[in-house]
C-alpha atoms as a PDB file:
ATOM      1  CA  UNK A   1      21.126  20.355 -14.659  1.00  0.00           C
ATOM      2  CA  UNK A   2      18.783  18.442 -12.385  1.00  0.00           C
ATOM      3  CA  UNK A   3      16.516  16.009 -13.523  1.00  0.00           C
ATOM      4  CA  UNK A   4      12.372  15.947 -14.187  1.00  0.00           C
ATOM      5  CA  UNK A   5      10.308  15.124 -11.131  1.00  0.00           C
ATOM      6  CA  UNK A   6       7.569  12.717 -12.910  1.00  0.00           C
ATOM      7  CA  UNK A   7       4.069  13.537 -11.645  1.00  0.00           C
ATOM      8  CA  UNK A   8       0.943  10.592 -11.067  1.00  0.00           C
ATOM      9  CA  UNK A   9      -1.759  10.323  -9.882  1.00  0.00           C
ATOM     10  CA  UNK A  10       0.464   8.179  -7.124  1.00  0.00           C
ATOM     11  CA  UNK A  11       2.764  10.820  -6.514  1.00  0.00           C
ATOM     12  CA  UNK A  12       2.838  12.110  -2.872  1.00  0.00           C
ATOM     13  CA  UNK A  13       1.307  16.761  -2.949  1.00  0.00           C
ATOM     14  CA  UNK A  14       4.202  17.535  -0.523  1.00  0.00           C
ATOM     15  CA  UNK A  15       6.824  15.978  -2.441  1.00  0.00           C
ATOM     16  CA  UNK A  16       5.372  18.189  -5.534  1.00  0.00           C
ATOM     17  CA  UNK A  17       5.163  20.606  -4.137  1.00  0.00           C
ATOM     18  CA  UNK A  18       8.544  20.553  -2.167  1.00  0.00           C
ATOM     19  CA  UNK A  19       9.955  20.375  -5.796  1.00  0.00           C
ATOM     20  CA  UNK A  20       8.254  22.754  -7.810  1.00  0.00           C
ATOM     21  CA  UNK A  21       6.037  25.646  -5.590  1.00  0.00           C
ATOM     22  CA  UNK A  22       5.217  27.552  -7.975  1.00  0.00           C
ATOM     23  CA  UNK A  23       1.969  24.286  -8.077  1.00  0.00           C
ATOM     24  CA  UNK A  24      -0.060  25.821  -5.513  1.00  0.00           C
ATOM     25  CA  UNK A  25      -1.172  27.717  -8.074  1.00  0.00           C
ATOM     26  CA  UNK A  26      -3.106  25.097  -9.781  1.00  0.00           C
ATOM     27  CA  UNK A  27      -4.215  23.537  -6.030  1.00  0.00           C
ATOM     28  CA  UNK A  28      -6.025  26.693  -5.236  1.00  0.00           C
ATOM     29  CA  UNK A  29      -7.966  26.871  -8.397  1.00  0.00           C
ATOM     30  CA  UNK A  30      -9.461  23.747  -8.136  1.00  0.00           C
ATOM     31  CA  UNK A  31      -9.699  25.176  -3.731  1.00  0.00           C
ATOM     32  CA  UNK A  32      -7.808  22.341  -2.570  1.00  0.00           C
ATOM     33  CA  UNK A  33      -5.860  23.677  -0.159  1.00  0.00           C
ATOM     34  CA  UNK A  34      -2.609  21.952   0.378  1.00  0.00           C
ATOM     35  CA  UNK A  35      -1.009  24.482   0.985  1.00  0.00           C
ATOM     36  CA  UNK A  36      -2.424  23.976   4.902  1.00  0.00           C
ATOM     37  CA  UNK A  37      -4.143  19.968   4.761  1.00  0.00           C
ATOM     38  CA  UNK A  38      -1.962  18.116   6.813  1.00  0.00           C
ATOM     39  CA  UNK A  39      -2.454  15.076   4.209  1.00  0.00           C
ATOM     40  CA  UNK A  40      -0.462  16.895   1.345  1.00  0.00           C
ATOM     41  CA  UNK A  41       2.227  15.215   3.631  1.00  0.00           C
ATOM     42  CA  UNK A  42       1.353  11.574   2.660  1.00  0.00           C
ATOM     43  CA  UNK A  43      -1.728  11.309   0.396  1.00  0.00           C
ATOM     44  CA  UNK A  44      -1.445  11.390  -2.493  1.00  0.00           C
ATOM     45  CA  UNK A  45      -2.544  13.031  -6.183  1.00  0.00           C
ATOM     46  CA  UNK A  46      -5.626  10.583  -6.435  1.00  0.00           C
ATOM     47  CA  UNK A  47      -6.227  10.791  -3.098  1.00  0.00           C
ATOM     48  CA  UNK A  48      -6.166  14.656  -2.624  1.00  0.00           C
ATOM     49  CA  UNK A  49      -8.389  14.647  -5.975  1.00  0.00           C
ATOM     50  CA  UNK A  50     -11.103  12.575  -4.672  1.00  0.00           C
ATOM     51  CA  UNK A  51     -11.571  14.137  -1.478  1.00  0.00           C
ATOM     52  CA  UNK A  52     -12.330  17.337  -3.031  1.00  0.00           C
ATOM     53  CA  UNK A  53     -13.832  15.988  -6.246  1.00  0.00           C
ATOM     54  CA  UNK A  54     -11.298  16.650  -8.895  1.00  0.00           C
ATOM     55  CA  UNK A  55     -10.865  15.296 -12.660  1.00  0.00           C
ATOM     56  CA  UNK A  56      -7.675  13.608 -11.616  1.00  0.00           C
ATOM     57  CA  UNK A  57      -6.822  13.319 -15.144  1.00  0.00           C
ATOM     58  CA  UNK A  58      -7.273  17.198 -15.542  1.00  0.00           C
ATOM     59  CA  UNK A  59      -5.237  18.316 -12.495  1.00  0.00           C
ATOM     60  CA  UNK A  60      -2.499  15.635 -13.040  1.00  0.00           C
ATOM     61  CA  UNK A  61      -2.472  17.741 -16.601  1.00  0.00           C
ATOM     62  CA  UNK A  62      -2.215  21.276 -14.811  1.00  0.00           C
ATOM     63  CA  UNK A  63       0.356  20.039 -12.436  1.00  0.00           C
ATOM     64  CA  UNK A  64       2.415  18.868 -15.962  1.00  0.00           C
ATOM     65  CA  UNK A  65       1.869  21.858 -17.812  1.00  0.00           C
ATOM     66  CA  UNK A  66       2.744  23.649 -14.140  1.00  0.00           C
ATOM     67  CA  UNK A  67       6.029  21.779 -13.972  1.00  0.00           C
ATOM     68  CA  UNK A  68       7.074  22.265 -17.746  1.00  0.00           C
ATOM     69  CA  UNK A  69       7.072  26.083 -17.957  1.00  0.00           C
ATOM     70  CA  UNK A  70       9.158  26.357 -15.199  1.00  0.00           C
ATOM     71  CA  UNK A  71      11.735  23.542 -15.966  1.00  0.00           C
ATOM     72  CA  UNK A  72      11.691  26.011 -19.252  1.00  0.00           C
ATOM     73  CA  UNK A  73      11.925  29.481 -18.073  1.00  0.00           C
ATOM     74  CA  UNK A  74      15.011  27.526 -16.035  1.00  0.00           C
ATOM     75  CA  UNK A  75      16.716  26.231 -19.301  1.00  0.00           C
ATOM     76  CA  UNK A  76      16.606  29.664 -20.640  1.00  0.00           C
ATOM     77  CA  UNK A  77      20.267  30.874 -19.899  1.00  0.00           C
ATOM     78  CA  UNK A  78      21.360  34.548 -19.843  1.00  0.00           C
ATOM     79  CA  UNK A  79      23.850  35.977 -22.257  1.00  0.00           C
ATOM     80  CA  UNK A  80      26.977  36.910 -20.644  1.00  0.00           C
END
């Protein structure tokens, strides 16, 4: 069982996307082109939010919800 990543305003965007690729939907929804931005490799969520005029607390809430959905789905084991 893998341990979930703690997502904070100081988390590097690329680290989030590497661990939770489905979170690109959150960045896309806020018009943050993290998939193609070189800044995502070293930029934090807070820096990206500031650059794109996005409320950092809102995006953190949405990213955490996206990650929780994936973890909840992976915790469901099909019956043998």
